[in-house]
Amino acid sequence: MKPDTVTCSFVVDKKTYNAYKSIIAGYGQSVKNNIIEHMQNVINYGIANAETIAAIKEVEELEKAPNKKVYNTFEEILEELDG
């Protein structure tokens, strides 16, 4: 083990682990890598809520879009919705 690493160990019931693993595997990820990725997101965004982190990432991606629609007022949004 590298001197700048730590081994994490915890106990979780088998049903919970298997359910989580099944979902994560469906996205081509391992439990370990998914947990590490979540930990890094918590550090990067200072937020522990996965839904909030996902929303922030979505906004960051939208900001990069060259053809994004920009609204100057809330009224403009409503006008388009009423369209």
N, C-alpha and C. Protein backbone atom coordinates (compact mmCIF):
# COMPACT_ATOMS: atom_id res chain seq x y z
N MET A 1 0.85 -1.19 0.00
CA MET A 1 0.00 0.00 0.00
C MET A 1 0.89 1.24 0.00
N LYS A 2 0.49 2.23 -0.81
CA LYS A 2 1.23 3.48 -0.88
C LYS A 2 1.10 4.24 0.43
N PRO A 3 2.11 5.02 0.81
CA PRO A 3 2.04 5.76 2.09
C PRO A 3 0.96 6.84 2.12
N ASP A 4 0.50 7.29 0.95
CA ASP A 4 -0.51 8.35 0.93
C ASP A 4 -1.92 7.79 0.68
N THR A 5 -2.11 6.51 0.98
CA THR A 5 -3.44 5.90 0.82
C THR A 5 -3.91 5.32 2.14
N VAL A 6 -5.20 5.01 2.18
CA VAL A 6 -5.79 4.42 3.37
C VAL A 6 -6.74 3.32 2.91
N THR A 7 -6.83 2.26 3.68
CA THR A 7 -7.78 1.19 3.38
C THR A 7 -9.05 1.46 4.17
N CYS A 8 -10.17 1.48 3.47
CA CYS A 8 -11.46 1.70 4.11
C CYS A 8 -12.19 0.38 4.20
N SER A 9 -12.81 0.16 5.32
CA SER A 9 -13.56 -1.07 5.51
C SER A 9 -14.82 -0.75 6.29
N PHE A 10 -15.95 -1.33 5.85
CA PHE A 10 -17.19 -1.15 6.57
C PHE A 10 -18.06 -2.37 6.35
N VAL A 11 -19.05 -2.52 7.18
CA VAL A 11 -19.95 -3.66 7.10
C VAL A 11 -21.32 -3.15 6.67
N VAL A 12 -21.92 -3.85 5.71
CA VAL A 12 -23.25 -3.51 5.23
C VAL A 12 -23.99 -4.83 5.00
N ASP A 13 -25.30 -4.82 5.20
CA ASP A 13 -26.02 -6.08 5.02
C ASP A 13 -25.97 -6.50 3.55
N LYS A 14 -25.98 -7.79 3.32
CA LYS A 14 -25.80 -8.37 2.00
C LYS A 14 -26.88 -7.91 1.01
N LYS A 15 -28.12 -7.82 1.47
CA LYS A 15 -29.22 -7.41 0.58
C LYS A 15 -28.99 -6.00 0.05
N THR A 16 -28.58 -5.09 0.92
CA THR A 16 -28.31 -3.72 0.51
C THR A 16 -27.14 -3.67 -0.47
N TYR A 17 -26.07 -4.38 -0.15
CA TYR A 17 -24.88 -4.41 -1.02
C TYR A 17 -25.23 -4.95 -2.40
N ASN A 18 -25.93 -6.07 -2.44
CA ASN A 18 -26.26 -6.70 -3.71
C ASN A 18 -27.19 -5.82 -4.55
N ALA A 19 -28.14 -5.15 -3.91
CA ALA A 19 -29.03 -4.25 -4.64
C ALA A 19 -28.24 -3.09 -5.23
N TYR A 20 -27.36 -2.51 -4.42
CA TYR A 20 -26.51 -1.40 -4.88
C TYR A 20 -25.61 -1.85 -6.02
N LYS A 21 -24.96 -3.00 -5.83
CA LYS A 21 -24.04 -3.53 -6.83
C LYS A 21 -24.77 -3.79 -8.15
N SER A 22 -25.99 -4.30 -8.07
CA SER A 22 -26.77 -4.58 -9.26
C SER A 22 -27.04 -3.30 -10.06
N ILE A 23 -27.39 -2.24 -9.37
CA ILE A 23 -27.65 -0.95 -10.03
C ILE A 23 -26.37 -0.39 -10.62
N ILE A 24 -25.30 -0.38 -9.85
CA ILE A 24 -24.02 0.17 -10.29
C ILE A 24 -23.47 -0.61 -11.48
N ALA A 25 -23.57 -1.93 -11.42
CA ALA A 25 -23.07 -2.77 -12.51
C ALA A 25 -23.82 -2.48 -13.80
N GLY A 26 -25.09 -2.14 -13.69
CA GLY A 26 -25.88 -1.79 -14.86
C GLY A 26 -25.35 -0.57 -15.59
N TYR A 27 -24.57 0.24 -14.89
CA TYR A 27 -23.94 1.42 -15.50
C TYR A 27 -22.47 1.16 -15.82
N GLY A 28 -22.06 -0.13 -15.74
CA GLY A 28 -20.69 -0.50 -16.06
C GLY A 28 -19.67 -0.07 -15.03
N GLN A 29 -20.10 0.10 -13.78
CA GLN A 29 -19.19 0.55 -12.73
C GLN A 29 -19.03 -0.53 -11.67
N SER A 30 -17.98 -0.40 -10.90
CA SER A 30 -17.79 -1.26 -9.74
C SER A 30 -18.23 -0.50 -8.49
N VAL A 31 -18.58 -1.22 -7.45
CA VAL A 31 -18.99 -0.57 -6.20
C VAL A 31 -17.86 0.32 -5.69
N LYS A 32 -16.65 -0.20 -5.66
CA LYS A 32 -15.51 0.56 -5.16
C LYS A 32 -15.33 1.86 -5.93
N ASN A 33 -15.28 1.77 -7.25
CA ASN A 33 -15.05 2.98 -8.05
C ASN A 33 -16.21 3.97 -7.92
N ASN A 34 -17.44 3.46 -7.80
CA ASN A 34 -18.59 4.34 -7.64
C ASN A 34 -18.52 5.09 -6.32
N ILE A 35 -18.15 4.39 -5.27
CA ILE A 35 -18.04 5.05 -3.96
C ILE A 35 -16.92 6.08 -3.97
N ILE A 36 -15.80 5.74 -4.59
CA ILE A 36 -14.69 6.70 -4.68
C ILE A 36 -15.11 7.92 -5.49
N GLU A 37 -15.82 7.71 -6.61
CA GLU A 37 -16.29 8.82 -7.42
C GLU A 37 -17.23 9.71 -6.62
N HIS A 38 -18.13 9.11 -5.85
CA HIS A 38 -19.05 9.91 -5.03
C HIS A 38 -18.27 10.72 -3.99
N MET A 39 -17.28 10.09 -3.37
CA MET A 39 -16.47 10.80 -2.38
C MET A 39 -15.78 12.01 -3.03
N GLN A 40 -15.25 11.83 -4.25
CA GLN A 40 -14.57 12.92 -4.93
C GLN A 40 -15.55 14.04 -5.28
N ASN A 41 -16.78 13.68 -5.67
CA ASN A 41 -17.79 14.70 -5.96
C ASN A 41 -18.15 15.49 -4.70
N VAL A 42 -18.25 14.81 -3.58
CA VAL A 42 -18.55 15.50 -2.32
C VAL A 42 -17.44 16.50 -2.02
N ILE A 43 -16.20 16.08 -2.23
CA ILE A 43 -15.06 16.98 -2.00
C ILE A 43 -15.10 18.16 -2.98
N ASN A 44 -15.32 17.88 -4.26
CA ASN A 44 -15.30 18.92 -5.29
C ASN A 44 -16.40 19.96 -5.11
N TYR A 45 -17.59 19.50 -4.72
CA TYR A 45 -18.74 20.39 -4.65
C TYR A 45 -19.13 20.77 -3.22
N GLY A 46 -18.56 20.11 -2.23
CA GLY A 46 -18.89 20.41 -0.84
C GLY A 46 -20.33 20.07 -0.50
N ILE A 47 -20.90 19.12 -1.26
CA ILE A 47 -22.29 18.72 -1.08
C ILE A 47 -22.35 17.20 -1.05
N ALA A 48 -23.07 16.65 -0.11
CA ALA A 48 -23.15 15.19 0.00
C ALA A 48 -24.33 14.60 -0.76
N ASN A 49 -25.27 15.41 -1.18
CA ASN A 49 -26.48 14.92 -1.83
C ASN A 49 -26.19 14.60 -3.30
N ALA A 50 -26.33 13.33 -3.68
CA ALA A 50 -26.01 12.90 -5.04
C ALA A 50 -26.90 13.58 -6.09
N GLU A 51 -28.16 13.81 -5.77
CA GLU A 51 -29.07 14.47 -6.71
C GLU A 51 -28.62 15.90 -7.00
N THR A 52 -28.20 16.59 -5.96
CA THR A 52 -27.72 17.97 -6.14
C THR A 52 -26.45 17.99 -6.96
N ILE A 53 -25.54 17.06 -6.69
CA ILE A 53 -24.29 16.98 -7.46
C ILE A 53 -24.61 16.72 -8.93
N ALA A 54 -25.53 15.81 -9.20
CA ALA A 54 -25.91 15.50 -10.59
C ALA A 54 -26.49 16.74 -11.27
N ALA A 55 -27.30 17.50 -10.55
CA ALA A 55 -27.89 18.71 -11.13
C ALA A 55 -26.81 19.75 -11.43
N ILE A 56 -25.85 19.89 -10.55
CA ILE A 56 -24.75 20.84 -10.77
C ILE A 56 -23.95 20.42 -12.00
N LYS A 57 -23.65 19.13 -12.11
CA LYS A 57 -22.91 18.64 -13.27
C LYS A 57 -23.69 18.89 -14.56
N GLU A 58 -25.00 18.70 -14.52
CA GLU A 58 -25.83 18.94 -15.69
C GLU A 58 -25.76 20.40 -16.12
N VAL A 59 -25.83 21.29 -15.16
CA VAL A 59 -25.74 22.72 -15.47
C VAL A 59 -24.36 23.05 -16.05
N GLU A 60 -23.32 22.47 -15.48
CA GLU A 60 -21.97 22.72 -16.00
C GLU A 60 -21.85 22.26 -17.46
N GLU A 61 -22.44 21.12 -17.78
CA GLU A 61 -22.42 20.62 -19.16
C GLU A 61 -23.24 21.53 -20.08
N LEU A 62 -24.40 21.97 -19.60
CA LEU A 62 -25.23 22.87 -20.40
C LEU A 62 -24.51 24.18 -20.70
N GLU A 63 -23.75 24.67 -19.72
CA GLU A 63 -23.01 25.92 -19.92
C GLU A 63 -21.98 25.80 -21.02
N LYS A 64 -21.48 24.59 -21.26
CA LYS A 64 -20.47 24.36 -22.31
C LYS A 64 -21.10 24.25 -23.70
N ALA A 65 -22.41 24.04 -23.77
CA ALA A 65 -23.08 23.83 -25.05
C ALA A 65 -23.03 25.09 -25.90
N PRO A 66 -22.51 24.98 -27.13
CA PRO A 66 -22.38 26.18 -27.96
C PRO A 66 -23.72 26.75 -28.43
N ASN A 67 -24.74 25.92 -28.56
CA ASN A 67 -26.04 26.38 -29.07
C ASN A 67 -27.10 26.48 -27.98
N LYS A 68 -26.67 26.71 -26.78
CA LYS A 68 -27.63 26.76 -25.67
C LYS A 68 -28.57 27.96 -25.80
N LYS A 69 -29.78 27.77 -25.35
CA LYS A 69 -30.77 28.85 -25.34
C LYS A 69 -30.55 29.68 -24.08
N VAL A 70 -30.52 30.97 -24.23
CA VAL A 70 -30.30 31.88 -23.09
C VAL A 70 -31.54 32.75 -22.91
N TYR A 71 -31.97 32.88 -21.69
CA TYR A 71 -33.12 33.73 -21.35
C TYR A 71 -32.64 34.88 -20.50
N ASN A 72 -33.19 36.05 -20.74
CA ASN A 72 -32.81 37.22 -19.96
C ASN A 72 -33.77 37.48 -18.81
N THR A 73 -35.00 36.98 -18.95
CA THR A 73 -35.99 37.17 -17.89
C THR A 73 -36.81 35.91 -17.72
N PHE A 74 -37.44 35.80 -16.58
CA PHE A 74 -38.33 34.68 -16.32
C PHE A 74 -39.54 34.74 -17.26
N GLU A 75 -39.95 35.93 -17.60
CA GLU A 75 -41.08 36.11 -18.51
C GLU A 75 -40.78 35.48 -19.88
N GLU A 76 -39.55 35.58 -20.35
CA GLU A 76 -39.17 34.97 -21.62
C GLU A 76 -39.36 33.45 -21.58
N ILE A 77 -39.02 32.88 -20.45
CA ILE A 77 -39.19 31.43 -20.28
C ILE A 77 -40.67 31.08 -20.34
N LEU A 78 -41.48 31.84 -19.63
CA LEU A 78 -42.92 31.58 -19.62
C LEU A 78 -43.52 31.74 -21.00
N GLU A 79 -43.07 32.74 -21.74
CA GLU A 79 -43.57 32.95 -23.10
C GLU A 79 -43.28 31.75 -23.98
N GLU A 80 -42.09 31.21 -23.84
CA GLU A 80 -41.74 30.03 -24.65
C GLU A 80 -42.56 28.82 -24.24
N LEU A 81 -42.80 28.68 -22.96
CA LEU A 81 -43.60 27.55 -22.48
C LEU A 81 -45.05 27.65 -22.96
N ASP A 82 -45.56 28.86 -22.99
CA ASP A 82 -46.92 29.08 -23.45
C ASP A 82 -47.02 28.91 -24.97
N GLY A 83 -45.89 29.22 -25.65
CA GLY A 83 -45.71 29.19 -27.07
C GLY A 83 -46.76 28.78 -27.91
